[in-house]
């Protein structure tokens, strides 16, 4: 009975959500170098940036996709994650390490992790990096390995409301000043913090809580989400490409 009730609630949620929002999709046939998008970000000018799986870092102006020459020097064309700090700088994770872009020049952070970067989260003045070899932090120009997650494949790491969320291939965890505990959510592969909420991404669905908005929708393998000031969601999916929800 419990599973049947959950199914009915999800069906109602999806039906109401579909009635409220509209979709459009762009892919390889529209000029995207690779349909597998790992991450998505919007800059101050309204440009959408896409981290692709083998196509490098791509800029999208709403109509056209563009690859910039400066990003040919990234550690890898397999860009796994893209994060923006309060100053507008880009933190770029790849299959072979981390890079930093200030809008003018690109820096390869050779002192940081060398393995696949799965997630980047900025907590105050500290940058957290989730990798295949554990979590790392960067503060005052110095990298430090996290002892709790050492040698573990940390899939995702994000912060919201002064709390650190992270997940491995086995489970998801929450850490704050009082300690650490396991989350009850299952099959979560990515946790994303928004300015006013949090997103939990599973294998087949995405669960979103943004202020008073709560919904679940069957968008598979969502890698990142952008919520614009016009209440437009951009979902980057490894199986569905770029999905816009308005």
Protein backbone atom coordinates (compact mmCIF):
# COMPACT_ATOMS: atom_id res chain seq x y z
CA UNK A 1 0.00 0.00 0.00
CA UNK A 2 2.83 2.40 0.86
CA UNK A 3 4.57 1.88 -2.49
CA UNK A 4 1.26 2.26 -4.34
CA UNK A 5 0.54 5.53 -2.53
CA UNK A 6 4.03 6.83 -3.36
CA UNK A 7 3.50 5.95 -7.03
CA UNK A 8 0.16 7.81 -7.07
CA UNK A 9 1.71 10.89 -5.43
CA UNK A 10 4.57 10.95 -7.94
CA UNK A 11 2.09 10.53 -10.81
CA UNK A 12 0.01 13.46 -9.54
CA UNK A 13 3.16 15.57 -9.11
CA UNK A 14 4.31 14.83 -12.65
CA UNK A 15 0.85 15.56 -14.08
CA UNK A 16 0.57 18.92 -12.32
CA UNK A 17 4.17 19.79 -13.21
CA UNK A 18 3.61 18.95 -16.89
CA UNK A 19 0.55 21.21 -16.95
CA UNK A 20 2.52 24.14 -15.56
CA UNK A 21 5.84 23.94 -17.46
CA UNK A 22 6.89 23.77 -21.11
CA UNK A 23 10.01 22.15 -22.62
CA UNK A 24 12.43 22.53 -25.52
CA UNK A 25 15.53 20.49 -26.28
CA UNK A 26 18.75 21.20 -28.20
CA UNK A 27 21.33 18.60 -29.24
CA UNK A 28 24.00 17.55 -31.75
CA UNK A 29 21.75 18.32 -34.71
CA UNK A 30 21.66 21.95 -33.49
CA UNK A 31 25.47 22.31 -33.26
CA UNK A 32 26.23 20.86 -29.82
CA UNK A 33 29.61 19.01 -30.17
CA UNK A 34 28.59 16.24 -27.80
CA UNK A 35 25.10 15.41 -26.51
CA UNK A 36 26.46 14.14 -23.18
CA UNK A 37 26.38 17.22 -20.90
CA UNK A 38 27.90 16.78 -17.45
CA UNK A 39 27.34 20.27 -16.05
CA UNK A 40 25.67 23.61 -16.78
CA UNK A 41 26.23 27.18 -15.58
CA UNK A 42 24.89 30.68 -16.32
CA UNK A 43 27.28 33.67 -16.15
CA UNK A 44 26.48 37.31 -15.32
CA UNK A 45 25.78 38.15 -18.98
CA UNK A 46 23.16 35.41 -19.28
CA UNK A 47 25.34 33.03 -21.29
CA UNK A 48 24.89 29.30 -20.62
CA UNK A 49 28.10 27.25 -20.25
CA UNK A 50 28.09 23.49 -20.83
CA UNK A 51 30.64 20.94 -19.61
CA UNK A 52 30.60 18.18 -22.22
CA UNK A 53 31.92 14.63 -22.26
CA UNK A 54 34.71 14.89 -24.83
CA UNK A 55 33.66 18.17 -26.47
CA UNK A 56 35.31 20.47 -23.93
CA UNK A 57 33.66 23.56 -22.44
CA UNK A 58 30.92 25.06 -24.65
CA UNK A 59 29.18 28.45 -24.52
CA UNK A 60 25.48 28.71 -25.50
CA UNK A 61 23.80 32.09 -26.15
CA UNK A 62 20.28 30.69 -26.41
CA UNK A 63 20.61 30.00 -30.13
CA UNK A 64 24.19 28.94 -31.00
CA UNK A 65 26.89 26.73 -29.42
CA UNK A 66 30.51 28.00 -29.41
CA UNK A 67 33.86 26.49 -28.38
CA UNK A 68 36.47 29.07 -27.31
CA UNK A 69 40.17 28.62 -28.19
CA UNK A 70 41.39 29.37 -24.66
CA UNK A 71 39.81 26.16 -23.35
CA UNK A 72 41.90 23.98 -25.67
CA UNK A 73 44.51 23.94 -22.85
CA UNK A 74 42.24 22.27 -20.29
CA UNK A 75 43.68 19.15 -18.62
CA UNK A 76 41.12 17.11 -20.59
CA UNK A 77 38.32 17.64 -23.12
CA UNK A 78 36.18 15.52 -20.81
CA UNK A 79 34.86 18.32 -18.60
CA UNK A 80 33.07 16.81 -15.63
CA UNK A 81 31.96 19.76 -13.52
CA UNK A 82 31.71 23.57 -13.67
CA UNK A 83 31.22 25.89 -10.69
CA UNK A 84 31.17 29.71 -10.36
CA UNK A 85 32.27 31.58 -7.23
CA UNK A 86 30.93 34.90 -5.90
CA UNK A 87 33.50 36.84 -7.97
CA UNK A 88 32.29 35.22 -11.18
CA UNK A 89 35.36 32.99 -11.60
CA UNK A 90 34.94 29.51 -13.08
CA UNK A 91 36.23 26.38 -11.33
CA UNK A 92 36.50 23.66 -13.98
CA UNK A 93 36.80 19.96 -13.13
CA UNK A 94 37.96 17.43 -15.73
CA UNK A 95 38.90 13.76 -16.00
CA UNK A 96 42.50 14.72 -15.21
CA UNK A 97 42.32 17.47 -12.65
CA UNK A 98 41.21 21.03 -11.94
CA UNK A 99 41.42 24.38 -13.74
CA UNK A 100 40.49 27.99 -12.90
CA UNK A 101 39.18 30.67 -15.29
CA UNK A 102 38.85 34.34 -14.24
CA UNK A 103 37.20 35.52 -17.45
CA UNK A 104 40.51 36.44 -19.08
CA UNK A 105 43.07 33.70 -18.44
CA UNK A 106 43.01 29.97 -17.73
CA UNK A 107 45.12 28.42 -14.92
CA UNK A 108 45.75 24.70 -14.45
CA UNK A 109 45.80 23.91 -10.71
CA UNK A 110 48.61 21.36 -10.80
CA UNK A 111 48.93 21.26 -6.98
CA UNK A 112 45.39 19.89 -6.71
CA UNK A 113 43.96 16.43 -7.38
CA UNK A 114 45.03 14.72 -10.60
CA UNK A 115 42.15 12.22 -10.86
CA UNK A 116 38.60 12.69 -12.15
CA UNK A 117 36.83 15.63 -10.49
CA UNK A 118 33.23 14.66 -9.75
CA UNK A 119 31.96 17.78 -7.99
CA UNK A 120 33.03 21.23 -6.77
CA UNK A 121 31.34 23.19 -3.99
CA UNK A 122 32.28 26.54 -2.47
CA UNK A 123 31.57 26.91 1.26
CA UNK A 124 32.49 30.41 2.45
CA UNK A 125 36.18 30.91 1.66
CA UNK A 126 36.80 27.19 1.16
CA UNK A 127 36.51 25.23 -2.07
CA UNK A 128 35.56 21.55 -1.74
CA UNK A 129 36.47 19.13 -4.55
CA UNK A 130 34.98 15.62 -4.77
CA UNK A 131 37.15 13.18 -6.73
CA UNK A 132 37.61 9.48 -7.40
CA UNK A 133 40.28 9.47 -4.69
CA UNK A 134 38.32 11.26 -1.97
CA UNK A 135 37.40 14.84 -1.12
CA UNK A 136 39.86 17.73 -1.10
CA UNK A 137 39.57 21.27 0.20
CA UNK A 138 41.32 24.44 -0.96
CA UNK A 139 41.76 27.36 1.41
CA UNK A 140 44.32 30.17 1.41
CA UNK A 141 45.91 28.72 -1.70
CA UNK A 142 46.61 25.31 -0.08
CA UNK A 143 45.03 21.95 -0.97
CA UNK A 144 44.24 19.47 1.82
CA UNK A 145 42.89 15.90 1.57
CA UNK A 146 39.82 15.04 3.69
CA UNK A 147 40.71 12.14 6.01
CA UNK A 148 37.13 10.81 6.36
CA UNK A 149 36.72 10.26 2.61
CA UNK A 150 40.33 9.33 1.76
CA UNK A 151 40.56 6.86 -1.15
CA UNK A 152 36.77 6.77 -1.52
CA UNK A 153 35.04 7.63 -4.80
CA UNK A 154 33.13 10.74 -3.72
CA UNK A 155 30.53 11.19 -6.45
CA UNK A 156 29.16 14.56 -5.42
CA UNK A 157 29.55 17.23 -2.80
CA UNK A 158 27.50 20.37 -2.18
CA UNK A 159 26.68 22.87 0.54
CA UNK A 160 23.42 24.50 1.59
CA UNK A 161 22.36 26.30 4.76
CA UNK A 162 25.80 25.82 6.40
CA UNK A 163 25.60 22.07 5.86
CA UNK A 164 27.80 19.84 3.72
CA UNK A 165 26.16 17.05 1.71
CA UNK A 166 28.15 14.36 -0.08
CA UNK A 167 27.51 10.96 -1.60
CA UNK A 168 29.66 7.98 -2.51
CA UNK A 169 28.80 4.92 -4.57
CA UNK A 170 27.51 3.28 -1.36
CA UNK A 171 25.46 5.99 0.39
CA UNK A 172 24.78 9.70 0.94
CA UNK A 173 25.87 11.69 4.00
CA UNK A 174 25.27 15.01 5.73
CA UNK A 175 27.90 16.84 7.79
CA UNK A 176 27.54 19.93 9.97
CA UNK A 177 29.02 21.33 13.18
CA UNK A 178 27.38 18.61 15.30
CA UNK A 179 28.75 15.71 13.30
CA UNK A 180 27.99 13.43 10.35
CA UNK A 181 25.07 11.08 9.55
CA UNK A 182 23.75 9.01 6.64
CA UNK A 183 20.87 10.29 4.47
CA UNK A 184 17.82 8.06 3.90
CA UNK A 185 17.64 8.85 0.16
CA UNK A 186 18.75 5.99 -2.09
CA UNK A 187 20.40 5.89 -5.53
CA UNK A 188 21.50 9.54 -5.32
CA UNK A 189 24.50 10.24 -7.53
CA UNK A 190 24.64 14.03 -7.36
CA UNK A 191 23.64 16.68 -4.81
CA UNK A 192 23.39 20.28 -6.01
CA UNK A 193 22.97 23.41 -3.89
CA UNK A 194 21.10 26.39 -5.28
CA UNK A 195 21.02 29.85 -3.73
CA UNK A 196 17.69 29.10 -2.07
CA UNK A 197 17.40 25.32 -2.10
CA UNK A 198 18.86 21.93 -2.88
CA UNK A 199 18.55 19.37 -5.68
CA UNK A 200 18.96 15.61 -5.29
CA UNK A 201 19.68 13.80 -8.54
CA UNK A 202 18.97 10.10 -8.92
CA UNK A 203 19.44 7.64 -11.76
CA UNK A 204 16.00 8.21 -13.31
CA UNK A 205 14.51 11.21 -11.49
CA UNK A 206 15.33 14.59 -10.00
CA UNK A 207 13.97 15.91 -6.69
CA UNK A 208 13.92 19.67 -6.15
CA UNK A 209 13.19 21.88 -3.16
CA UNK A 210 13.44 25.62 -3.84
CA UNK A 211 11.80 27.74 -1.15
CA UNK A 212 8.11 26.74 -1.36
CA UNK A 213 8.47 24.78 -4.61
CA UNK A 214 8.71 20.99 -4.30
CA UNK A 215 8.57 18.58 -7.22
CA UNK A 216 9.91 15.34 -8.69
CA UNK A 217 10.22 14.68 -12.39
CA UNK A 218 11.53 11.80 -14.52
CA UNK A 219 14.56 13.47 -16.12
CA UNK A 220 17.30 10.78 -16.13
CA UNK A 221 20.91 11.26 -15.07
CA UNK A 222 20.75 14.99 -14.36
CA UNK A 223 24.28 16.29 -13.84
CA UNK A 224 23.51 19.91 -12.96
CA UNK A 225 20.75 22.53 -12.71
CA UNK A 226 20.60 26.27 -13.25
CA UNK A 227 17.67 28.29 -11.86
CA UNK A 228 17.55 31.75 -13.44
CA UNK A 229 16.07 34.90 -11.94
CA UNK A 230 13.05 34.39 -14.22
CA UNK A 231 12.22 31.03 -12.57
CA UNK A 232 13.55 29.06 -15.54
CA UNK A 233 15.19 25.70 -14.82
CA UNK A 234 17.97 24.42 -17.12
CA UNK A 235 18.73 20.73 -16.56
CA UNK A 236 21.91 19.15 -17.97
CA UNK A 237 21.28 15.45 -18.58
CA UNK A 238 23.65 12.77 -19.83
CA UNK A 239 20.77 11.01 -21.58
CA UNK A 240 18.45 13.85 -22.59
CA UNK A 241 20.90 16.67 -23.40
CA UNK A 242 19.81 20.18 -22.42
CA UNK A 243 16.29 20.43 -20.97
CA UNK A 244 14.58 23.76 -20.26
CA UNK A 245 11.67 23.93 -17.82
CA UNK A 246 9.65 27.17 -17.60
